[in-house]
C-alpha atoms as a PDB file:
ATOM      1  CA  MET A   1      38.416 -10.113 -37.157  1.00  0.00           C
ATOM      2  CA  GLU A   2      35.607 -10.420 -34.587  1.00  0.00           C
ATOM      3  CA  THR A   3      36.934 -10.220 -30.952  1.00  0.00           C
ATOM      4  CA  GLN A   4      35.887 -12.165 -27.763  1.00  0.00           C
ATOM      5  CA  GLY A   5      33.950  -9.336 -26.582  1.00  0.00           C
ATOM      6  CA  GLU A   6      32.189  -8.946 -30.038  1.00  0.00           C
ATOM      7  CA  ARG A   7      31.290 -12.620 -29.852  1.00  0.00           C
ATOM      8  CA  ILE A   8      30.116 -12.299 -26.192  1.00  0.00           C
ATOM      9  CA  LYS A   9      27.605  -9.610 -27.258  1.00  0.00           C
ATOM     10  CA  ASN A  10      26.372 -11.608 -30.406  1.00  0.00           C
ATOM     11  CA  ILE A  11      25.557 -14.339 -28.293  1.00  0.00           C
ATOM     12  CA  ARG A  12      24.010 -12.306 -25.418  1.00  0.00           C
ATOM     13  CA  LEU A  13      22.005 -10.708 -28.285  1.00  0.00           C
ATOM     14  CA  GLU A  14      21.050 -13.984 -30.130  1.00  0.00           C
ATOM     15  CA  LEU A  15      19.563 -15.346 -26.560  1.00  0.00           C
ATOM     16  CA  ARG A  16      17.758 -11.986 -26.383  1.00  0.00           C
ATOM     17  CA  LEU A  17      18.994 -10.996 -22.681  1.00  0.00           C
ATOM     18  CA  SER A  18      19.869  -7.763 -21.644  1.00  0.00           C
ATOM     19  CA  GLN A  19      23.349  -7.100 -19.932  1.00  0.00           C
ATOM     20  CA  ASP A  20      21.598  -7.267 -16.798  1.00  0.00           C
ATOM     21  CA  LYS A  21      20.380 -11.079 -17.181  1.00  0.00           C
ATOM     22  CA  PHE A  22      23.130 -12.442 -19.060  1.00  0.00           C
ATOM     23  CA  GLY A  23      25.109 -11.268 -16.269  1.00  0.00           C
ATOM     24  CA  GLU A  24      23.131 -13.067 -13.834  1.00  0.00           C
ATOM     25  CA  GLY A  25      23.600 -16.296 -15.533  1.00  0.00           C
ATOM     26  CA  LEU A  26      27.262 -15.901 -15.270  1.00  0.00           C
ATOM     27  CA  GLY A  27      27.442 -14.071 -11.503  1.00  0.00           C
ATOM     28  CA  ILE A  28      28.711 -10.981 -12.988  1.00  0.00           C
ATOM     29  CA  THR A  29      27.149  -7.208 -13.088  1.00  0.00           C
ATOM     30  CA  LYS A  30      25.730  -5.647 -15.888  1.00  0.00           C
ATOM     31  CA  GLN A  31      28.991  -3.520 -15.909  1.00  0.00           C
ATOM     32  CA  TYR A  32      31.233  -6.165 -16.180  1.00  0.00           C
ATOM     33  CA  VAL A  33      29.339  -7.575 -19.019  1.00  0.00           C
ATOM     34  CA  SER A  34      29.654  -4.294 -20.658  1.00  0.00           C
ATOM     35  CA  ASN A  35      33.371  -4.186 -19.987  1.00  0.00           C
ATOM     36  CA  ILE A  36      33.777  -7.746 -22.025  1.00  0.00           C
ATOM     37  CA  GLU A  37      31.968  -6.630 -24.769  1.00  0.00           C
ATOM     38  CA  ASN A  38      33.711  -3.617 -24.994  1.00  0.00           C
ATOM     39  CA  GLY A  39      37.065  -5.385 -24.703  1.00  0.00           C
ATOM     40  CA  ILE A  40      38.026  -3.976 -21.678  1.00  0.00           C
ATOM     41  CA  ALA A  41      37.828  -7.044 -19.513  1.00  0.00           C
ATOM     42  CA  LEU A  42      37.819 -11.059 -20.362  1.00  0.00           C
ATOM     43  CA  LEU A  43      35.889 -13.839 -18.946  1.00  0.00           C
ATOM     44  CA  SER A  44      37.777 -15.557 -16.064  1.00  0.00           C
ATOM     45  CA  ASN A  45      37.817 -19.649 -16.668  1.00  0.00           C
ATOM     46  CA  GLU A  46      35.166 -19.974 -14.461  1.00  0.00           C
ATOM     47  CA  LYS A  47      32.985 -17.729 -16.249  1.00  0.00           C
ATOM     48  CA  LEU A  48      33.671 -19.405 -19.390  1.00  0.00           C
ATOM     49  CA  THR A  49      32.620 -22.791 -17.769  1.00  0.00           C
ATOM     50  CA  SER A  50      29.351 -20.871 -16.975  1.00  0.00           C
ATOM     51  CA  LEU A  51      28.927 -19.979 -20.287  1.00  0.00           C
ATOM     52  CA  LEU A  52      28.728 -23.544 -21.541  1.00  0.00           C
ATOM     53  CA  VAL A  53      26.685 -24.968 -18.683  1.00  0.00           C
ATOM     54  CA  ASN A  54      23.916 -21.934 -18.439  1.00  0.00           C
ATOM     55  CA  TYR A  55      23.903 -21.204 -21.871  1.00  0.00           C
ATOM     56  CA  ASN A  56      25.227 -24.404 -23.932  1.00  0.00           C
ATOM     57  CA  VAL A  57      28.038 -21.955 -25.561  1.00  0.00           C
ATOM     58  CA  ASN A  58      30.971 -23.556 -27.303  1.00  0.00           C
ATOM     59  CA  ILE A  59      34.050 -22.337 -25.138  1.00  0.00           C
ATOM     60  CA  ASN A  60      35.861 -22.941 -28.431  1.00  0.00           C
ATOM     61  CA  TYR A  61      34.002 -20.499 -30.092  1.00  0.00           C
ATOM     62  CA  ILE A  62      34.293 -17.947 -27.612  1.00  0.00           C
ATOM     63  CA  LEU A  63      38.271 -18.106 -27.271  1.00  0.00           C
ATOM     64  CA  THR A  64      39.171 -18.359 -31.065  1.00  0.00           C
ATOM     65  CA  GLY A  65      35.903 -17.668 -33.135  1.00  0.00           C
ATOM     66  CA  LYS A  66      36.095 -21.254 -34.671  1.00  0.00           C
ATOM     67  CA  GLY A  67      33.361 -23.789 -34.582  1.00  0.00           C
ATOM     68  CA  GLU A  68      29.456 -23.640 -33.884  1.00  0.00           C
ATOM     69  CA  VAL A  69      28.191 -20.928 -31.346  1.00  0.00           C
ATOM     70  CA  PHE A  70      26.004 -23.286 -28.995  1.00  0.00           C
ATOM     71  CA  LEU A  71      26.473 -26.937 -28.850  1.00  0.00           C
ATOM     72  CA  GLY A  72      23.657 -28.872 -30.088  1.00  0.00           C
ATOM     73  CA  SER A  73      22.248 -32.504 -29.785  1.00  0.00           C
ATOM     74  CA  ASP A  74      23.531 -33.290 -33.465  1.00  0.00           C
ATOM     75  CA  LYS A  75      26.858 -31.814 -32.529  1.00  0.00           C
ATOM     76  CA  LYS A  76      29.773 -34.293 -33.910  1.00  0.00           C
ATOM     77  CA  GLU A  77      31.109 -36.260 -31.016  1.00  0.00           C
ATOM     78  CA  GLU A  78      34.398 -35.121 -31.715  1.00  0.00           C
ATOM     79  CA  ASP A  79      33.474 -31.357 -31.244  1.00  0.00           C
ATOM     80  CA  LYS A  80      31.675 -32.496 -28.054  1.00  0.00           C
ATOM     81  CA  LEU A  81      35.107 -34.235 -26.837  1.00  0.00           C
ATOM     82  CA  GLU A  82      37.429 -31.016 -27.670  1.00  0.00           C
ATOM     83  CA  ASN A  83      35.056 -28.915 -25.368  1.00  0.00           C
ATOM     84  CA  LYS A  84      35.076 -31.189 -22.535  1.00  0.00           C
ATOM     85  CA  ILE A  85      39.056 -31.565 -22.936  1.00  0.00           C
ATOM     86  CA  LEU A  86      39.148 -27.764 -23.142  1.00  0.00           C
ATOM     87  CA  GLN A  87      37.040 -27.622 -19.727  1.00  0.00           C
ATOM     88  CA  VAL A  88      39.598 -30.068 -18.291  1.00  0.00           C
ATOM     89  CA  VAL A  89      42.332 -27.975 -19.265  1.00  0.00           C
ATOM     90  CA  LEU A  90      40.810 -24.541 -17.994  1.00  0.00           C
ATOM     91  CA  LYS A  91      39.948 -26.358 -14.348  1.00  0.00           C
ATOM     92  CA  MET A  92      43.499 -27.387 -14.260  1.00  0.00           C
ATOM     93  CA  LYS A  93      44.809 -24.130 -14.931  1.00  0.00           C
ATOM     94  CA  GLU A  94      42.620 -22.563 -12.236  1.00  0.00           C
ATOM     95  CA  LYS A  95      43.914 -25.096  -9.786  1.00  0.00           C
ATOM     96  CA  GLY A  96      47.605 -24.240 -11.106  1.00  0.00           C
ATOM     97  CA  LEU A  97      48.496 -27.484 -12.308  1.00  0.00           C
ATOM     98  CA  LEU A  98      49.176 -26.412 -15.868  1.00  0.00           C
END
């Protein structure tokens, strides 16, 4: 079973970005990207949201390994709604509301 770190690494490679450039888009260091890819660290809710905003990555895919890797314009409305709900839940958790 693929880990969250492996999914992140595969996305970075698919985007053809170095760990440095990928990290810049998320506001994290190259070392932190390496730690994530190697399963030493996890992305915060804020950084998961940055993945969606900056790289159009499906958060559900990152968290569960299910669904499309990237959100596309032909994506089903149901999947888009699921990601929006997930964003709201993550924001609420960040604020301690859940």
